[in-house]
Amino acid sequence: MQSIRKRLSILLAVFFVLPAPLLAQSGRQPVPAKNGMVVSSQYLASDVGRDILMRGGNAVDAAVATAFALAVVLPGSGNIGGGGFLVYHGADGETTTFNFREKAPMAATADMYVGEDGRIRDNSNHDGLLAVGVPGTVAGMWLAHQRLGKLPWKDLVEPAVRLAADGFEFSWALLGASRRFQRNAERDPLYKATADAYLKNGTNPYEPGETIRLPDLARSLERIRDHGKDGFYKGETARLMADFMRKFGGLITEDDLARYEAEELAPIHGTYRGYDVYSMGPPSSGGTVLVEMLNIVEGFNLKEMGHNSAMYLHVITEAMRRAYADRAEFLGDPNFNPEMPIDRLTSKSYAAELRSSIDLFRASESDSSKFSRAYATYESEETNHYSVVDADGNMVAVTYTLEQGYGSRIVVEGAGFLLNNEMGDFNPIPGYTSTTGLIGTPPNLVAPEKRMLSSMTPTIVAYGGKPVLAIGTPGGRTIINAVMQVILNVIDHDMNIAEAVEAPRIHHSWLPDRTRIQRVGFSVDTIRLYEMMGHDVYYSGYWGSAMGIFIDYEKGLLYGGADSRGFDARAVGY
């Protein structure tokens, strides 16, 4: 008994002397903070971003530092070999976004994946070097920092350099991938650099708790630290990548890398029950579809229906069905699709038209014969989102990815970073569309320097000109629906941010005409009533991992919620 009391007293003493930044949220209780907050899928990266805020950096500085740290400690989706989107809302009301989605190489063609039999050849749009798009992350972070950063660039990349060079604790979350890397390297020399980077002595998986060091990645990060964007797109790193592509039959050249530029774009803007919603525009479909769905459901009293009641699920399903049909028909890279009807899709009048077609007691049918309204192409659920707020109230939401978990699973020899397989987000067979998941409509066909369509939906919600909520999640095509449900949880159902990201979710994407239901969290009675309305359901495990921050201006506090679906996720504030 005395020994137990002694141990308990030590634990209590440690708890109460810990500084506030080291206390982290878990489950349905959000972590409060007064001055700044970072919420990400990996606790070491959250700590890096928080430290930058404590040193006087702003939200963009912390977002840049967090991005590079995630490239080290969360290699499944954190990256310098991928791409994504950043949404910014300043405390002064300024809003903007940064598009650093990957591009197709100059040598890419619309039928590059099609074999003589008219089918996709050897899954080449997902596997191997032909699946790799020109990376955008470094250019995106550089552009955002040039526009809005405060601290020196070197200070923001240095923590990632140290993590890669000095090492970090190998996590249980990395163990499964290590075994796959081992199998890949045994069958194909293309994956040898991956094994050398992520296996002990290039042969055996690390054990959880052991220290893993990534020296080649550290040197690539040093070049980025010292030379900015040019440290990746020119010089030694660009040469290493181009040589690797030539050696193994890839398409990306040094010219492709030198030509790559990120873009600053105006956000997609909508309103919902008096709140302003700012999200990402094309080539992300996220903002457009999110605003369209919110406009549709705004005409229903969702609070009165009750959270996740059968009627509530029916209404949001019908909104999802209609907006995802529009997504497939109209959206793509705006530089190649200048006539996309974004204003109409995000208008209240169009939403009213769609809303009027909803039968409150009967499910609609997704008409699979209308192939002009094409089924959305496959998107992996292994993406990464993080949210940041600084002491001045500036807010950033970032979603970026390698596409599948660990992307192509290919590491560049001598450079140490994983390459994406984002080319799989293009429509692979021109003119061919099927209900099983392939589409061939023009907006998202492969073309040189074209950006592939995405569902990533980094979003900031504001009220009275001030940002109040930063939110986003991984999850492929489920992302947009998950973000919408978190927003509804906060605005319509008065949940705190931790409750909002933890709540069970559903997903419907027009085709296939089935609703995905989280296996845990819905009553049998509710689902039976929902099915009686004509909905076809299937159950699955957890998906997505939403990372959110809510600002309570009355209390003068920030609240962070890290979705427990993320194995190593953490909200950290100070």
Protein backbone atom coordinates (compact mmCIF):
# COMPACT_ATOMS: atom_id res chain seq x y z
CA MET A 1 0.00 0.00 0.00
CA GLN A 2 2.82 2.40 0.87
CA SER A 3 4.49 1.67 -2.47
CA ILE A 4 1.24 2.41 -4.34
CA ARG A 5 0.80 5.69 -2.47
CA LYS A 6 4.37 6.67 -3.25
CA ARG A 7 3.92 5.99 -6.96
CA LEU A 8 0.63 7.91 -6.99
CA SER A 9 2.21 10.90 -5.28
CA ILE A 10 5.01 10.93 -7.85
CA LEU A 11 2.54 10.82 -10.73
CA LEU A 12 0.48 13.65 -9.25
CA ALA A 13 3.59 15.72 -8.65
CA VAL A 14 4.74 15.24 -12.23
CA PHE A 15 1.29 16.14 -13.56
CA PHE A 16 0.99 19.38 -11.65
CA VAL A 17 4.49 20.65 -12.43
CA LEU A 18 4.18 20.04 -16.16
CA PRO A 19 3.89 23.31 -18.08
CA ALA A 20 0.59 23.80 -19.90
CA PRO A 21 2.01 23.21 -23.40
CA LEU A 22 2.71 19.57 -22.56
CA LEU A 23 -0.87 18.79 -21.56
CA ALA A 24 -2.79 17.28 -24.43
CA GLN A 25 -6.39 16.55 -25.32
CA SER A 26 -7.78 13.05 -25.35
CA GLY A 27 -11.27 11.88 -26.30
CA ARG A 28 -14.23 14.23 -25.95
CA GLN A 29 -12.55 16.86 -23.75
CA PRO A 30 -10.82 19.61 -25.75
CA VAL A 31 -7.52 21.06 -24.58
CA PRO A 32 -7.75 24.77 -23.73
CA ALA A 33 -5.04 27.35 -24.37
CA LYS A 34 -4.77 31.13 -24.27
CA ASN A 35 -2.05 31.99 -26.76
CA GLY A 36 -1.70 29.45 -29.53
CA MET A 37 -2.64 25.96 -30.63
CA VAL A 38 -1.50 23.26 -33.07
CA VAL A 39 -3.56 20.13 -33.71
CA SER A 40 -2.02 17.44 -35.90
CA SER A 41 -1.91 13.69 -36.44
CA GLN A 42 1.53 13.29 -34.83
CA TYR A 43 2.38 14.64 -31.39
CA LEU A 44 6.03 15.45 -32.19
CA ALA A 45 4.96 17.63 -35.11
CA SER A 46 2.33 19.35 -32.95
CA ASP A 47 5.09 20.12 -30.45
CA VAL A 48 7.29 21.59 -33.19
CA GLY A 49 4.51 23.89 -34.36
CA ARG A 50 3.68 24.93 -30.79
CA ASP A 51 7.35 25.75 -30.13
CA ILE A 52 7.43 28.04 -33.17
CA LEU A 53 4.37 29.89 -31.83
CA MET A 54 6.03 30.26 -28.42
CA ARG A 55 9.08 31.80 -30.13
CA GLY A 56 6.91 34.52 -31.64
CA GLY A 57 6.05 32.89 -34.93
CA ASN A 58 2.65 33.37 -36.48
CA ALA A 59 0.19 30.74 -37.66
CA VAL A 60 1.80 30.42 -41.11
CA ASP A 61 5.25 29.99 -39.55
CA ALA A 62 3.92 27.23 -37.32
CA ALA A 63 2.11 25.61 -40.26
CA VAL A 64 5.34 25.52 -42.29
CA ALA A 65 7.35 24.04 -39.42
CA THR A 66 4.63 21.47 -38.71
CA ALA A 67 4.50 20.43 -42.36
CA PHE A 68 8.22 19.67 -42.50
CA ALA A 69 8.17 17.91 -39.13
CA LEU A 70 5.30 15.69 -40.30
CA ALA A 71 7.38 14.79 -43.36
CA VAL A 72 9.80 13.14 -40.92
CA VAL A 73 7.65 11.64 -38.15
CA LEU A 74 4.49 10.79 -40.11
CA PRO A 75 5.87 9.44 -43.42
CA GLY A 76 2.59 7.77 -44.34
CA SER A 77 1.10 11.14 -45.28
CA GLY A 78 3.37 13.93 -44.06
CA ASN A 79 5.62 14.78 -46.96
CA ILE A 80 7.91 16.83 -49.12
CA GLY A 81 7.23 14.48 -52.03
CA GLY A 82 3.49 15.16 -52.25
CA GLY A 83 1.18 18.16 -52.31
CA GLY A 84 -1.97 19.77 -50.97
CA PHE A 85 -3.70 22.98 -49.92
CA LEU A 86 -3.52 25.70 -47.25
CA VAL A 87 -6.39 27.99 -46.19
CA TYR A 88 -5.66 31.19 -44.22
CA HIS A 89 -7.93 33.57 -42.30
CA GLY A 90 -6.20 36.45 -40.58
CA ALA A 91 -7.38 38.13 -37.41
CA ASP A 92 -7.70 41.27 -39.58
CA GLY A 93 -10.20 39.54 -41.88
CA GLU A 94 -7.82 38.72 -44.73
CA THR A 95 -8.56 35.38 -46.39
CA THR A 96 -6.56 33.48 -48.98
CA THR A 97 -5.55 29.98 -50.04
CA PHE A 98 -2.46 28.30 -51.45
CA ASN A 99 -2.67 25.53 -54.04
CA PHE A 100 0.33 23.22 -54.08
CA ARG A 101 -1.37 20.19 -55.60
CA GLU A 102 0.94 17.97 -57.65
CA LYS A 103 1.12 18.28 -61.45
CA ALA A 104 1.39 15.74 -64.24
CA PRO A 105 4.88 15.68 -65.83
CA MET A 106 5.38 17.26 -69.24
CA ALA A 107 5.66 13.82 -70.85
CA ALA A 108 2.30 12.65 -69.47
CA THR A 109 -0.53 11.77 -71.88
CA ALA A 110 -4.25 11.08 -71.48
CA ASP A 111 -3.88 7.38 -72.41
CA MET A 112 -0.56 6.69 -70.69
CA TYR A 113 -2.07 3.99 -68.46
CA VAL A 114 -4.11 2.19 -71.12
CA GLY A 115 -2.95 -1.17 -72.47
CA GLU A 116 -3.68 -2.70 -75.86
CA ASP A 117 -6.78 -4.35 -74.42
CA GLY A 118 -8.20 -0.96 -73.44
CA ARG A 119 -7.73 -1.60 -69.72
CA ILE A 120 -5.40 -0.04 -67.17
CA ARG A 121 -1.98 -1.64 -67.56
CA ASP A 122 -0.59 -3.30 -64.39
CA ASN A 123 -2.32 -0.79 -62.07
CA SER A 124 0.27 1.67 -63.39
CA ASN A 125 -1.79 4.72 -62.38
CA HIS A 126 -1.26 3.71 -58.73
CA ASP A 127 1.90 1.58 -58.70
CA GLY A 128 5.40 2.47 -59.88
CA LEU A 129 7.01 5.68 -61.06
CA LEU A 130 4.39 6.47 -63.72
CA ALA A 131 2.00 7.15 -60.83
CA VAL A 132 4.17 9.96 -59.43
CA GLY A 133 3.14 13.57 -59.93
CA VAL A 134 5.53 16.53 -59.67
CA PRO A 135 5.58 17.33 -55.91
CA GLY A 136 4.20 20.63 -54.64
CA THR A 137 4.59 20.75 -50.86
CA VAL A 138 7.90 22.62 -50.67
CA ALA A 139 6.75 25.23 -53.19
CA GLY A 140 3.47 25.69 -51.32
CA MET A 141 5.12 26.17 -47.94
CA TRP A 142 7.65 28.56 -49.49
CA LEU A 143 4.97 30.68 -51.17
CA ALA A 144 2.81 30.86 -48.02
CA HIS A 145 5.84 31.90 -45.97
CA GLN A 146 6.93 34.50 -48.52
CA ARG A 147 3.46 36.03 -48.39
CA LEU A 148 2.53 35.74 -44.74
CA GLY A 149 5.41 34.35 -42.67
CA LYS A 150 7.25 36.20 -39.94
CA LEU A 151 10.20 34.19 -38.64
CA PRO A 152 13.22 33.30 -40.82
CA TRP A 153 12.64 30.32 -43.13
CA LYS A 154 15.68 28.48 -41.76
CA ASP A 155 14.23 28.51 -38.25
CA LEU A 156 11.10 26.75 -39.50
CA VAL A 157 12.83 23.89 -41.33
CA GLU A 158 15.56 23.28 -38.76
CA PRO A 159 13.38 21.29 -36.29
CA ALA A 160 12.58 18.79 -39.05
CA VAL A 161 16.28 18.53 -39.92
CA ARG A 162 17.04 17.68 -36.28
CA LEU A 163 14.25 15.10 -36.06
CA ALA A 164 15.53 13.35 -39.18
CA ALA A 165 19.22 13.52 -38.25
CA ASP A 166 19.01 12.81 -34.51
CA GLY A 167 16.11 10.39 -34.81
CA PHE A 168 12.74 9.88 -33.18
CA GLU A 169 10.88 7.06 -31.50
CA PHE A 170 9.51 4.47 -33.89
CA SER A 171 5.75 4.21 -33.39
CA TRP A 172 3.35 1.27 -33.49
CA ALA A 173 1.59 3.20 -36.26
CA LEU A 174 4.64 2.67 -38.52
CA LEU A 175 5.08 -1.05 -37.94
CA GLY A 176 2.68 -2.38 -40.60
CA ALA A 177 4.26 -0.25 -43.32
CA SER A 178 7.75 -1.48 -42.42
CA ARG A 179 6.73 -5.05 -43.14
CA ARG A 180 5.34 -4.01 -46.51
CA PHE A 181 8.58 -2.15 -47.31
CA GLN A 182 10.46 -5.34 -46.51
CA ARG A 183 8.35 -7.42 -48.92
CA ASN A 184 8.55 -4.81 -51.70
CA ALA A 185 12.36 -4.58 -51.49
CA GLU A 186 12.68 -8.35 -51.71
CA ARG A 187 10.84 -8.46 -55.04
CA ASP A 188 11.84 -5.23 -56.81
CA PRO A 189 15.04 -3.09 -56.73
CA LEU A 190 12.85 0.00 -57.24
CA TYR A 191 12.07 -0.21 -53.52
CA LYS A 192 15.61 -0.75 -52.21
CA ALA A 193 16.03 2.89 -51.15
CA THR A 194 12.78 2.61 -49.20
CA ALA A 195 14.10 -0.39 -47.32
CA ASP A 196 17.42 1.35 -46.70
CA ALA A 197 15.59 4.33 -45.20
CA TYR A 198 12.91 2.66 -43.10
CA LEU A 199 14.33 -0.76 -42.13
CA LYS A 200 17.21 -1.52 -39.76
CA ASN A 201 20.28 -2.17 -41.92
CA GLY A 202 17.89 -2.17 -44.87
CA THR A 203 16.46 -5.55 -43.92
CA ASN A 204 14.38 -5.77 -40.71
CA PRO A 205 11.57 -3.62 -39.29
CA TYR A 206 12.25 -1.40 -36.29
CA GLU A 207 10.50 -2.27 -33.07
CA PRO A 208 8.19 0.32 -31.47
CA GLY A 209 10.21 2.42 -29.04
CA GLU A 210 13.47 2.11 -30.97
CA THR A 211 15.09 5.20 -32.47
CA ILE A 212 14.90 5.61 -36.24
CA ARG A 213 17.19 8.07 -38.04
CA LEU A 214 16.75 9.30 -41.61
CA PRO A 215 20.11 10.80 -42.70
CA ASP A 216 19.34 11.15 -46.42
CA LEU A 217 16.07 12.92 -45.64
CA ALA A 218 17.96 15.17 -43.19
CA ARG A 219 20.33 16.24 -45.98
CA SER A 220 17.41 16.97 -48.33
CA LEU A 221 15.80 19.07 -45.60
CA GLU A 222 19.10 20.88 -45.03
CA ARG A 223 19.14 21.90 -48.70
CA ILE A 224 15.55 23.18 -48.34
CA ARG A 225 16.52 24.98 -45.12
CA ASP A 226 19.51 26.68 -46.73
CA HIS A 227 18.15 27.40 -50.23
CA GLY A 228 14.39 27.61 -49.81
CA LYS A 229 12.26 26.37 -52.67
CA ASP A 230 15.33 26.05 -54.94
CA GLY A 231 16.80 23.58 -52.47
CA PHE A 232 14.20 21.09 -53.67
CA TYR A 233 13.30 22.03 -57.25
CA LYS A 234 16.85 22.78 -58.39
CA GLY A 235 20.35 21.61 -57.54
CA GLU A 236 21.27 18.33 -55.85
CA THR A 237 17.78 17.18 -54.83
CA ALA A 238 16.34 17.82 -58.29
CA ARG A 239 19.27 15.96 -59.85
CA LEU A 240 18.82 12.99 -57.53
CA MET A 241 15.12 12.76 -58.34
CA ALA A 242 15.58 13.12 -62.10
CA ASP A 243 18.41 10.55 -62.16
CA PHE A 244 16.24 8.12 -60.19
CA MET A 245 13.37 8.60 -62.64
CA ARG A 246 15.64 7.90 -65.63
CA LYS A 247 17.10 4.83 -63.96
CA PHE A 248 13.73 3.18 -63.28
CA GLY A 249 11.56 4.49 -66.13
CA GLY A 250 9.78 7.46 -64.56
CA LEU A 251 8.73 10.64 -66.37
CA ILE A 252 9.68 13.55 -64.07
CA THR A 253 12.68 15.56 -65.26
CA GLU A 254 14.73 18.40 -63.82
CA ASP A 255 12.78 20.70 -66.14
CA ASP A 256 9.47 19.47 -64.66
CA LEU A 257 10.76 20.33 -61.20
CA ALA A 258 12.16 23.72 -62.19
CA ARG A 259 8.85 24.68 -63.85
CA TYR A 260 6.67 23.84 -60.84
CA GLU A 261 4.96 26.79 -59.11
CA ALA A 262 2.42 26.89 -56.30
CA GLU A 263 -0.54 29.25 -56.68
CA GLU A 264 -2.25 31.71 -54.36
CA LEU A 265 -6.00 31.62 -55.01
CA ALA A 266 -9.14 33.21 -53.63
CA PRO A 267 -11.03 30.81 -51.36
CA ILE A 268 -14.43 29.33 -52.05
CA HIS A 269 -16.80 31.34 -49.86
CA GLY A 270 -20.24 30.45 -48.58
CA THR A 271 -22.46 31.21 -45.61
CA TYR A 272 -24.28 28.95 -43.18
CA ARG A 273 -26.71 30.21 -40.53
CA GLY A 274 -24.87 33.53 -40.24
CA TYR A 275 -21.36 32.04 -40.34
CA ASP A 276 -18.89 32.55 -43.18
CA VAL A 277 -17.30 29.41 -44.62
CA TYR A 278 -13.94 29.63 -46.40
CA SER A 279 -12.53 26.57 -48.10
CA MET A 280 -10.41 25.38 -50.99
CA GLY A 281 -11.42 25.85 -54.60
CA PRO A 282 -10.48 23.73 -57.62
CA PRO A 283 -8.43 21.68 -58.24
CA SER A 284 -9.87 20.68 -54.89
CA SER A 285 -13.54 19.81 -55.13
CA GLY A 286 -13.79 20.20 -51.36
CA GLY A 287 -14.88 23.81 -50.95
CA THR A 288 -17.39 23.78 -53.78
CA VAL A 289 -19.09 20.57 -52.67
CA LEU A 290 -19.01 21.59 -48.99
CA VAL A 291 -20.72 24.92 -49.63
CA GLU A 292 -23.26 23.28 -51.95
CA MET A 293 -24.20 20.73 -49.27
CA LEU A 294 -24.37 23.32 -46.49
CA ASN A 295 -26.65 25.47 -48.67
CA ILE A 296 -28.98 22.51 -49.19
CA VAL A 297 -29.25 21.48 -45.52
CA GLU A 298 -29.58 25.09 -44.33
CA GLY A 299 -33.22 24.88 -45.36
CA PHE A 300 -33.94 22.16 -42.75
CA ASN A 301 -34.17 22.44 -38.97
CA LEU A 302 -31.39 19.98 -38.24
CA LYS A 303 -31.28 20.75 -34.54
CA GLU A 304 -34.94 19.86 -34.15
CA MET A 305 -34.44 16.61 -36.10
CA GLY A 306 -31.80 15.55 -33.57
CA HIS A 307 -28.19 14.64 -34.15
CA ASN A 308 -27.83 11.45 -36.21
CA SER A 309 -31.53 10.61 -36.08
CA ALA A 310 -32.89 8.67 -39.06
CA MET A 311 -34.47 11.83 -40.53
CA TYR A 312 -31.25 13.78 -40.01
CA LEU A 313 -29.17 11.09 -41.72
CA HIS A 314 -31.68 10.98 -44.57
CA VAL A 315 -31.48 14.72 -45.19
CA ILE A 316 -27.70 14.99 -45.16
CA THR A 317 -27.45 11.87 -47.35
CA GLU A 318 -29.65 13.48 -49.98
CA ALA A 319 -27.49 16.61 -49.89
CA MET A 320 -24.36 14.48 -50.30
CA ARG A 321 -25.90 12.57 -53.21
CA ARG A 322 -26.69 15.72 -55.20
CA ALA A 323 -23.46 17.59 -54.53
CA TYR A 324 -21.21 14.61 -55.32
CA ALA A 325 -23.00 14.12 -58.64
CA ASP A 326 -22.11 17.71 -59.52
CA ARG A 327 -18.56 17.13 -58.33
CA ALA A 328 -18.07 14.29 -60.79
CA GLU A 329 -19.62 16.11 -63.72
CA PHE A 330 -18.09 19.56 -63.48
CA LEU A 331 -14.92 19.85 -61.40
CA GLY A 332 -11.22 19.66 -62.30
CA ASP A 333 -8.11 21.82 -62.61
CA PRO A 334 -9.35 25.38 -63.38
CA ASN A 335 -6.32 26.05 -65.57
CA PHE A 336 -7.67 23.37 -67.94
CA ASN A 337 -11.40 23.79 -67.23
CA PRO A 338 -12.11 27.54 -67.27
CA GLU A 339 -15.88 27.15 -67.68
CA MET A 340 -16.64 25.34 -64.42
CA PRO A 341 -19.95 26.71 -63.03
CA ILE A 342 -18.64 27.37 -59.51
CA ASP A 343 -20.88 30.39 -58.84
CA ARG A 344 -23.99 28.42 -59.74
CA LEU A 345 -22.99 25.32 -57.76
CA THR A 346 -22.36 27.40 -54.62
CA SER A 347 -25.44 29.63 -54.94
CA LYS A 348 -28.39 29.61 -52.55
CA SER A 349 -30.85 29.55 -55.47
CA TYR A 350 -29.34 26.37 -56.91
CA ALA A 351 -29.41 24.78 -53.46
CA ALA A 352 -33.09 25.64 -53.14
CA GLU A 353 -33.73 23.91 -56.47
CA LEU A 354 -31.92 20.78 -55.30
CA ARG A 355 -33.62 20.91 -51.90
CA SER A 356 -37.03 20.95 -53.50
CA SER A 357 -36.29 17.59 -55.12
CA ILE A 358 -35.76 15.88 -51.75
CA ASP A 359 -38.59 13.67 -50.49
CA LEU A 360 -38.47 13.81 -46.70
CA PHE A 361 -39.65 10.23 -46.39
CA ARG A 362 -38.06 8.47 -49.35
CA ALA A 363 -34.50 8.13 -50.62
CA SER A 364 -33.67 9.31 -54.12
CA GLU A 365 -32.00 7.01 -56.61
CA SER A 366 -28.57 7.75 -58.03
CA ASP A 367 -29.10 7.29 -61.77
CA SER A 368 -26.06 5.33 -62.89
CA SER A 369 -27.13 5.53 -66.53
CA LYS A 370 -26.27 9.22 -66.67
CA PHE A 371 -22.63 8.74 -67.45
CA SER A 372 -22.24 12.42 -68.22
CA ARG A 373 -22.53 12.58 -64.46
CA ALA A 374 -19.54 10.39 -63.81
CA TYR A 375 -18.64 8.37 -60.79
CA ALA A 376 -15.76 9.87 -58.81
CA THR A 377 -12.38 8.22 -59.25
CA TYR A 378 -10.65 6.37 -56.43
CA GLU A 379 -8.94 8.43 -53.75
CA SER A 380 -6.97 6.96 -50.90
CA GLU A 381 -8.01 7.75 -47.34
CA GLU A 382 -4.40 8.15 -46.17
CA THR A 383 -4.10 11.93 -46.15
CA ASN A 384 -3.13 14.35 -43.38
CA HIS A 385 -4.72 17.49 -41.94
CA TYR A 386 -3.58 19.91 -39.26
CA SER A 387 -4.91 23.20 -37.87
CA VAL A 388 -3.08 26.16 -36.30
CA VAL A 389 -4.03 29.37 -34.44
CA ASP A 390 -1.52 31.93 -33.17
CA ALA A 391 -1.59 34.48 -30.33
CA ASP A 392 -3.08 37.17 -32.58
CA GLY A 393 -5.97 34.96 -33.70
CA ASN A 394 -4.66 34.20 -37.21
CA MET A 395 -5.87 30.78 -38.31
CA VAL A 396 -4.50 28.21 -40.79
CA ALA A 397 -5.93 24.92 -42.03
CA VAL A 398 -3.69 22.60 -44.08
CA THR A 399 -4.46 19.30 -45.79
CA TYR A 400 -1.69 17.56 -47.74
CA THR A 401 -0.99 14.04 -48.90
CA LEU A 402 1.04 11.45 -50.77
CA GLU A 403 -2.25 9.86 -51.97
CA GLN A 404 -2.14 6.27 -50.65
CA GLY A 405 -0.49 5.48 -47.33
CA TYR A 406 3.23 6.16 -47.93
CA GLY A 407 2.30 7.22 -51.45
CA SER A 408 4.05 5.14 -54.08
CA ARG A 409 6.13 3.55 -51.26
CA ILE A 410 9.17 4.59 -53.32
CA VAL A 411 12.02 6.58 -51.74
CA VAL A 412 14.38 8.56 -53.99
CA GLU A 413 17.90 7.14 -53.79
CA GLY A 414 20.17 9.51 -51.89
CA ALA A 415 17.35 11.96 -51.12
CA GLY A 416 15.47 9.96 -48.50
CA PHE A 417 11.91 11.13 -49.14
CA LEU A 418 8.85 9.18 -50.26
CA LEU A 419 7.21 9.95 -53.59
CA ASN A 420 3.46 10.39 -54.09
CA ASN A 421 1.25 8.31 -56.38
CA GLU A 422 -1.20 11.14 -57.05
CA MET A 423 -1.50 10.47 -60.79
CA GLY A 424 -4.06 7.86 -59.76
CA ASP A 425 -6.45 10.71 -59.00
CA PHE A 426 -6.80 11.44 -62.73
CA ASN A 427 -9.43 9.69 -64.84
CA PRO A 428 -7.32 6.86 -66.30
CA ILE A 429 -9.17 5.73 -69.46
CA PRO A 430 -10.46 8.49 -71.76
CA GLY A 431 -14.11 8.03 -72.69
CA TYR A 432 -14.75 5.04 -70.43
CA THR A 433 -17.02 5.30 -67.40
CA SER A 434 -18.40 2.49 -65.27
CA THR A 435 -20.39 2.12 -62.07
CA THR A 436 -17.49 0.18 -60.53
CA GLY A 437 -15.34 3.28 -60.17
CA LEU A 438 -13.68 4.21 -63.48
CA ILE A 439 -14.55 7.42 -65.29
CA GLY A 440 -13.34 8.95 -68.50
CA THR A 441 -14.98 12.38 -68.69
CA PRO A 442 -12.81 15.33 -69.83
CA PRO A 443 -12.46 17.62 -66.76
CA ASN A 444 -10.06 15.29 -64.96
CA LEU A 445 -8.17 13.49 -67.76
CA VAL A 446 -4.37 13.44 -67.67
CA ALA A 447 -2.59 16.30 -69.43
CA PRO A 448 0.92 17.78 -69.13
CA GLU A 449 1.24 20.12 -66.10
CA LYS A 450 -2.39 19.52 -65.15
CA ARG A 451 -3.33 19.14 -61.49
CA MET A 452 -5.49 16.17 -60.57
CA LEU A 453 -8.87 16.64 -58.85
CA SER A 454 -8.89 16.28 -55.07
CA SER A 455 -11.36 15.99 -52.21
CA MET A 456 -9.11 17.67 -49.64
CA THR A 457 -11.15 20.27 -47.73
CA PRO A 458 -9.14 22.45 -45.36
CA THR A 459 -11.79 24.86 -44.07
CA ILE A 460 -12.08 27.90 -41.81
CA VAL A 461 -15.42 29.07 -40.43
CA ALA A 462 -15.73 32.70 -39.34
CA TYR A 463 -18.29 34.82 -37.53
CA GLY A 464 -18.45 38.62 -37.64
CA GLY A 465 -15.24 38.76 -39.67
CA LYS A 466 -13.24 36.74 -37.14
CA PRO A 467 -12.13 33.12 -37.61
CA VAL A 468 -13.73 30.73 -35.11
CA LEU A 469 -13.15 27.19 -36.44
CA ALA A 470 -10.36 25.50 -38.38
CA ILE A 471 -11.15 21.99 -39.53
CA GLY A 472 -10.16 19.29 -42.00
CA THR A 473 -9.51 15.57 -42.15
CA PRO A 474 -7.96 12.79 -44.21
CA GLY A 475 -10.27 10.25 -45.82
CA GLY A 476 -10.22 10.46 -49.63
CA ARG A 477 -13.72 11.04 -51.02
CA THR A 478 -15.12 10.90 -47.47
CA ILE A 479 -13.28 14.10 -46.52
CA ILE A 480 -15.90 16.60 -47.67
CA ASN A 481 -18.74 14.82 -45.91
CA ALA A 482 -16.74 14.47 -42.69
CA VAL A 483 -15.89 18.19 -42.65
CA MET A 484 -19.54 19.07 -43.21
CA GLN A 485 -20.65 16.85 -40.34
CA VAL A 486 -18.11 18.41 -37.95
CA ILE A 487 -19.34 21.88 -38.89
CA LEU A 488 -22.97 20.83 -38.34
CA ASN A 489 -21.99 19.28 -35.00
CA VAL A 490 -20.58 22.61 -33.82
CA ILE A 491 -23.15 25.03 -35.27
CA ASP A 492 -26.40 23.05 -35.16
CA HIS A 493 -25.75 20.70 -32.25
CA ASP A 494 -23.67 22.87 -29.90
CA MET A 495 -20.86 20.33 -29.52
CA ASN A 496 -17.42 21.32 -28.33
CA ILE A 497 -14.68 20.75 -30.88
CA ALA A 498 -13.55 17.44 -29.35
CA GLU A 499 -17.11 16.07 -29.32
CA ALA A 500 -17.60 17.31 -32.88
CA VAL A 501 -14.59 15.46 -34.31
CA GLU A 502 -15.23 12.29 -32.28
CA ALA A 503 -18.90 11.88 -33.27
CA PRO A 504 -19.76 8.93 -35.58
CA ARG A 505 -20.13 9.77 -39.27
CA ILE A 506 -21.72 8.57 -42.49
CA HIS A 507 -20.68 8.90 -46.12
CA HIS A 508 -22.51 8.85 -49.46
CA SER A 509 -20.91 9.93 -52.76
CA TRP A 510 -23.72 9.54 -55.33
CA LEU A 511 -22.25 6.34 -56.76
CA PRO A 512 -22.08 3.64 -55.62
CA ASP A 513 -25.60 4.22 -54.31
CA ARG A 514 -24.84 3.03 -50.78
CA THR A 515 -24.30 4.78 -47.48
CA ARG A 516 -21.20 3.99 -45.49
CA ILE A 517 -21.99 3.80 -41.76
CA GLN A 518 -19.46 3.83 -38.97
CA ARG A 519 -19.84 0.46 -37.26
CA VAL A 520 -19.86 1.88 -33.72
CA GLY A 521 -22.04 4.81 -32.70
CA PHE A 522 -25.44 4.33 -34.39
CA SER A 523 -28.38 2.49 -32.86
CA VAL A 524 -29.91 -0.47 -34.68
CA ASP A 525 -33.32 1.23 -34.54
CA THR A 526 -32.00 4.38 -36.21
CA ILE A 527 -30.41 2.45 -39.06
CA ARG A 528 -33.56 0.35 -39.56
CA LEU A 529 -35.67 3.50 -39.91
CA TYR A 530 -33.08 4.93 -42.28
CA GLU A 531 -33.18 1.76 -44.39
CA MET A 532 -36.99 1.85 -44.43
CA MET A 533 -36.67 5.18 -46.28
CA GLY A 534 -34.94 3.27 -49.09
CA HIS A 535 -31.26 3.73 -48.23
CA ASP A 536 -28.83 0.87 -48.80
CA VAL A 537 -26.20 0.78 -46.05
CA TYR A 538 -22.96 -0.99 -45.30
CA TYR A 539 -20.89 -0.83 -42.16
CA SER A 540 -17.19 -0.14 -41.90
CA GLY A 541 -14.66 0.77 -39.25
CA TYR A 542 -13.44 4.25 -38.46
CA TRP A 543 -12.33 6.55 -41.24
CA GLY A 544 -10.85 10.02 -41.28
CA SER A 545 -9.06 11.80 -38.46
CA ALA A 546 -10.36 15.36 -38.09
CA MET A 547 -8.11 17.96 -36.47
CA GLY A 548 -9.90 21.09 -35.31
CA ILE A 549 -9.53 24.29 -33.30
CA PHE A 550 -12.36 26.47 -32.00
CA ILE A 551 -11.89 30.03 -30.69
CA ASP A 552 -14.20 31.13 -27.87
CA TYR A 553 -13.87 34.91 -27.92
CA GLU A 554 -16.07 35.42 -24.86
CA LYS A 555 -13.82 33.26 -22.68
CA GLY A 556 -10.64 34.31 -24.44
CA LEU A 557 -9.66 30.68 -24.98
CA LEU A 558 -8.69 28.37 -27.82
CA TYR A 559 -9.96 24.80 -27.76
CA GLY A 560 -8.25 22.02 -29.69
CA GLY A 561 -9.72 18.67 -30.66
CA ALA A 562 -7.54 15.88 -32.08
CA ASP A 563 -9.64 13.02 -33.43
CA SER A 564 -8.79 9.81 -31.59
CA ARG A 565 -9.09 7.98 -34.93
CA GLY A 566 -5.54 9.30 -35.43
CA PHE A 567 -3.19 6.93 -33.60
CA ASP A 568 -0.57 9.52 -32.56
CA ALA A 569 -2.72 12.65 -32.88
CA ARG A 570 -2.51 15.47 -30.36
CA ALA A 571 -3.80 18.98 -29.75
CA VAL A 572 -1.12 21.10 -28.08
CA GLY A 573 -1.46 24.68 -26.88
CA TYR A 574 0.19 27.19 -24.57
